[in-house]
Amino acid sequence: MDIKGQLKEKAEEIIHKIKNDKNVASKFQKDPVSTVESLLGVDLPNDQIEALVDFIKAKIDIDKIGNALGGLKGLLGK
C-alpha cells in the first residue's frame, strides 16, 4: 500500500474515533492539528497535516449531511 492509501486508512480510523469518542471529538474541535498528530503518532509537516485535517473535517461534514437527508427521507415517507 502506498503512502496515500495509508494516510486515507489512518484518516478513516481517526474519523471513527472522533465520531465515537466525545473526548476525542472535543479535542479535535479545539485543536484539530494537534489531535490528528497525536492520533497518528507521527509529526508530519504542517502542510500535510493541515490537508489531512481538512479531509477529515470534510468527511465528517458529508456524513452529517447524509444523516440529515436520511432523516428528511423518513419524514417524507419515502
N, C-alpha and C. Protein backbone atom coordinates (compact mmCIF):
# COMPACT_ATOMS: atom_id res chain seq x y z
N MET A 1 0.85 -1.18 0.00
CA MET A 1 0.00 0.00 0.00
C MET A 1 0.90 1.24 0.00
N ASP A 2 0.57 2.21 -0.84
CA ASP A 2 1.36 3.42 -0.92
C ASP A 2 1.01 4.38 0.23
N ILE A 3 1.75 5.46 0.35
CA ILE A 3 1.57 6.40 1.45
C ILE A 3 0.19 7.05 1.43
N LYS A 4 -0.32 7.34 0.24
CA LYS A 4 -1.66 7.94 0.16
C LYS A 4 -2.72 6.98 0.69
N GLY A 5 -2.60 5.73 0.35
CA GLY A 5 -3.53 4.72 0.84
C GLY A 5 -3.43 4.56 2.35
N GLN A 6 -2.21 4.62 2.87
CA GLN A 6 -2.01 4.51 4.31
C GLN A 6 -2.62 5.70 5.03
N LEU A 7 -2.41 6.90 4.48
CA LEU A 7 -2.98 8.10 5.10
C LEU A 7 -4.50 8.08 5.07
N LYS A 8 -5.06 7.62 3.97
CA LYS A 8 -6.52 7.54 3.88
C LYS A 8 -7.06 6.55 4.91
N GLU A 9 -6.38 5.42 5.06
CA GLU A 9 -6.79 4.43 6.04
C GLU A 9 -6.71 5.00 7.46
N LYS A 10 -5.62 5.71 7.75
CA LYS A 10 -5.46 6.34 9.06
C LYS A 10 -6.52 7.42 9.27
N ALA A 11 -6.83 8.17 8.23
CA ALA A 11 -7.86 9.22 8.32
C ALA A 11 -9.20 8.60 8.67
N GLU A 12 -9.53 7.48 8.07
CA GLU A 12 -10.79 6.80 8.36
C GLU A 12 -10.83 6.32 9.82
N GLU A 13 -9.69 5.85 10.32
CA GLU A 13 -9.61 5.45 11.73
C GLU A 13 -9.83 6.65 12.65
N ILE A 14 -9.23 7.77 12.30
CA ILE A 14 -9.38 8.99 13.11
C ILE A 14 -10.81 9.48 13.07
N ILE A 15 -11.44 9.45 11.91
CA ILE A 15 -12.84 9.86 11.78
C ILE A 15 -13.72 9.00 12.67
N HIS A 16 -13.46 7.70 12.67
CA HIS A 16 -14.22 6.78 13.52
C HIS A 16 -14.06 7.15 15.00
N LYS A 17 -12.83 7.45 15.41
CA LYS A 17 -12.57 7.83 16.79
C LYS A 17 -13.27 9.13 17.15
N ILE A 18 -13.25 10.10 16.25
CA ILE A 18 -13.89 11.39 16.50
C ILE A 18 -15.39 11.21 16.66
N LYS A 19 -15.98 10.39 15.81
CA LYS A 19 -17.43 10.18 15.85
C LYS A 19 -17.87 9.38 17.06
N ASN A 20 -17.01 8.54 17.60
CA ASN A 20 -17.41 7.61 18.65
C ASN A 20 -16.85 7.92 20.03
N ASP A 21 -16.00 8.93 20.14
CA ASP A 21 -15.41 9.27 21.43
C ASP A 21 -15.56 10.78 21.65
N LYS A 22 -16.41 11.15 22.60
CA LYS A 22 -16.70 12.56 22.84
C LYS A 22 -15.45 13.34 23.26
N ASN A 23 -14.55 12.70 23.98
CA ASN A 23 -13.31 13.37 24.39
C ASN A 23 -12.44 13.70 23.18
N VAL A 24 -12.31 12.75 22.28
CA VAL A 24 -11.52 12.98 21.06
C VAL A 24 -12.20 14.04 20.21
N ALA A 25 -13.52 13.98 20.11
CA ALA A 25 -14.25 14.98 19.32
C ALA A 25 -14.05 16.38 19.89
N SER A 26 -14.08 16.49 21.20
CA SER A 26 -13.87 17.79 21.85
C SER A 26 -12.47 18.31 21.58
N LYS A 27 -11.48 17.44 21.71
CA LYS A 27 -10.09 17.83 21.44
C LYS A 27 -9.94 18.25 19.98
N PHE A 28 -10.58 17.50 19.08
CA PHE A 28 -10.48 17.81 17.65
C PHE A 28 -11.09 19.18 17.35
N GLN A 29 -12.20 19.51 17.99
CA GLN A 29 -12.83 20.81 17.78
C GLN A 29 -11.93 21.94 18.28
N LYS A 30 -11.26 21.73 19.40
CA LYS A 30 -10.41 22.77 19.99
C LYS A 30 -9.09 22.93 19.25
N ASP A 31 -8.47 21.82 18.90
CA ASP A 31 -7.15 21.85 18.27
C ASP A 31 -7.00 20.66 17.32
N PRO A 32 -7.57 20.78 16.13
CA PRO A 32 -7.57 19.63 15.21
C PRO A 32 -6.18 19.15 14.81
N VAL A 33 -5.25 20.06 14.60
CA VAL A 33 -3.92 19.66 14.15
C VAL A 33 -3.22 18.81 15.20
N SER A 34 -3.21 19.27 16.43
CA SER A 34 -2.55 18.51 17.50
C SER A 34 -3.25 17.18 17.74
N THR A 35 -4.57 17.18 17.66
CA THR A 35 -5.33 15.95 17.88
C THR A 35 -4.99 14.90 16.82
N VAL A 36 -4.98 15.32 15.58
CA VAL A 36 -4.66 14.38 14.49
C VAL A 36 -3.23 13.88 14.61
N GLU A 37 -2.30 14.78 14.90
CA GLU A 37 -0.91 14.36 15.07
C GLU A 37 -0.77 13.34 16.20
N SER A 38 -1.46 13.59 17.32
CA SER A 38 -1.33 12.66 18.43
C SER A 38 -1.97 11.31 18.10
N LEU A 39 -3.07 11.32 17.36
CA LEU A 39 -3.72 10.06 16.97
C LEU A 39 -2.89 9.30 15.94
N LEU A 40 -2.20 10.04 15.09
CA LEU A 40 -1.33 9.39 14.09
C LEU A 40 -0.06 8.85 14.74
N GLY A 41 0.40 9.55 15.76
CA GLY A 41 1.66 9.17 16.38
C GLY A 41 2.86 9.56 15.54
N VAL A 42 2.63 10.49 14.60
CA VAL A 42 3.68 10.93 13.69
C VAL A 42 3.60 12.45 13.58
N ASP A 43 4.76 13.09 13.56
CA ASP A 43 4.81 14.54 13.39
C ASP A 43 5.06 14.83 11.91
N LEU A 44 3.98 15.19 11.21
CA LEU A 44 4.07 15.49 9.78
C LEU A 44 4.32 16.98 9.57
N PRO A 45 4.83 17.37 8.41
CA PRO A 45 4.94 18.79 8.09
C PRO A 45 3.55 19.45 8.14
N ASN A 46 3.52 20.73 8.52
CA ASN A 46 2.25 21.43 8.71
C ASN A 46 1.33 21.37 7.50
N ASP A 47 1.87 21.51 6.29
CA ASP A 47 1.01 21.50 5.11
C ASP A 47 0.34 20.14 4.93
N GLN A 48 1.05 19.07 5.25
CA GLN A 48 0.47 17.74 5.11
C GLN A 48 -0.57 17.47 6.19
N ILE A 49 -0.30 17.86 7.42
CA ILE A 49 -1.25 17.61 8.49
C ILE A 49 -2.49 18.47 8.31
N GLU A 50 -2.33 19.71 7.84
CA GLU A 50 -3.48 20.58 7.60
C GLU A 50 -4.36 20.02 6.47
N ALA A 51 -3.74 19.45 5.46
CA ALA A 51 -4.51 18.83 4.38
C ALA A 51 -5.29 17.63 4.90
N LEU A 52 -4.67 16.86 5.77
CA LEU A 52 -5.34 15.70 6.37
C LEU A 52 -6.49 16.15 7.27
N VAL A 53 -6.28 17.21 8.05
CA VAL A 53 -7.33 17.77 8.91
C VAL A 53 -8.50 18.24 8.05
N ASP A 54 -8.20 18.92 6.94
CA ASP A 54 -9.26 19.39 6.04
C ASP A 54 -10.06 18.22 5.48
N PHE A 55 -9.37 17.15 5.10
CA PHE A 55 -10.04 15.95 4.59
C PHE A 55 -10.97 15.37 5.65
N ILE A 56 -10.48 15.27 6.88
CA ILE A 56 -11.27 14.71 7.98
C ILE A 56 -12.50 15.57 8.25
N LYS A 57 -12.31 16.89 8.30
CA LYS A 57 -13.44 17.79 8.53
C LYS A 57 -14.48 17.64 7.42
N ALA A 58 -14.03 17.59 6.18
CA ALA A 58 -14.95 17.46 5.05
C ALA A 58 -15.71 16.14 5.12
N LYS A 59 -15.02 15.07 5.44
CA LYS A 59 -15.66 13.75 5.53
C LYS A 59 -16.71 13.73 6.64
N ILE A 60 -16.40 14.33 7.77
CA ILE A 60 -17.36 14.38 8.88
C ILE A 60 -18.58 15.21 8.47
N ASP A 61 -18.35 16.34 7.79
CA ASP A 61 -19.47 17.19 7.35
C ASP A 61 -20.34 16.47 6.33
N ILE A 62 -19.74 15.74 5.41
CA ILE A 62 -20.51 14.99 4.40
C ILE A 62 -21.36 13.93 5.08
N ASP A 63 -20.79 13.26 6.07
CA ASP A 63 -21.55 12.25 6.80
C ASP A 63 -22.73 12.87 7.55
N LYS A 64 -22.52 14.05 8.12
CA LYS A 64 -23.61 14.75 8.83
C LYS A 64 -24.74 15.11 7.86
N ILE A 65 -24.37 15.58 6.68
CA ILE A 65 -25.37 15.94 5.67
C ILE A 65 -26.15 14.70 5.25
N GLY A 66 -25.45 13.60 5.04
CA GLY A 66 -26.12 12.35 4.67
C GLY A 66 -27.09 11.89 5.73
N ASN A 67 -26.70 12.01 6.99
CA ASN A 67 -27.59 11.62 8.08
C ASN A 67 -28.82 12.52 8.14
N ALA A 68 -28.63 13.81 7.92
CA ALA A 68 -29.75 14.75 7.94
C ALA A 68 -30.70 14.47 6.78
N LEU A 69 -30.16 14.17 5.63
CA LEU A 69 -31.01 13.87 4.48
C LEU A 69 -31.76 12.57 4.70
N GLY A 70 -31.11 11.61 5.34
CA GLY A 70 -31.79 10.36 5.66
C GLY A 70 -32.96 10.59 6.59
N GLY A 71 -32.81 11.51 7.53
CA GLY A 71 -33.90 11.87 8.43
C GLY A 71 -35.04 12.54 7.69
N LEU A 72 -34.72 13.37 6.72
CA LEU A 72 -35.76 14.03 5.91
C LEU A 72 -36.52 13.01 5.11
N LYS A 73 -35.81 12.01 4.60
CA LYS A 73 -36.46 10.96 3.81
C LYS A 73 -37.54 10.27 4.67
N GLY A 74 -37.21 10.00 5.93
CA GLY A 74 -38.16 9.37 6.83
C GLY A 74 -39.38 10.26 7.08
N LEU A 75 -39.16 11.55 7.16
CA LEU A 75 -40.26 12.49 7.38
C LEU A 75 -41.19 12.57 6.17
N LEU A 76 -40.62 12.38 5.01
CA LEU A 76 -41.43 12.46 3.79
C LEU A 76 -42.12 11.15 3.46
N GLY A 77 -41.82 10.12 4.20
CA GLY A 77 -42.50 8.84 3.99
C GLY A 77 -42.03 8.07 2.79
N LYS A 78 -40.80 8.32 2.36
CA LYS A 78 -40.27 7.60 1.20
C LYS A 78 -39.19 6.68 1.63
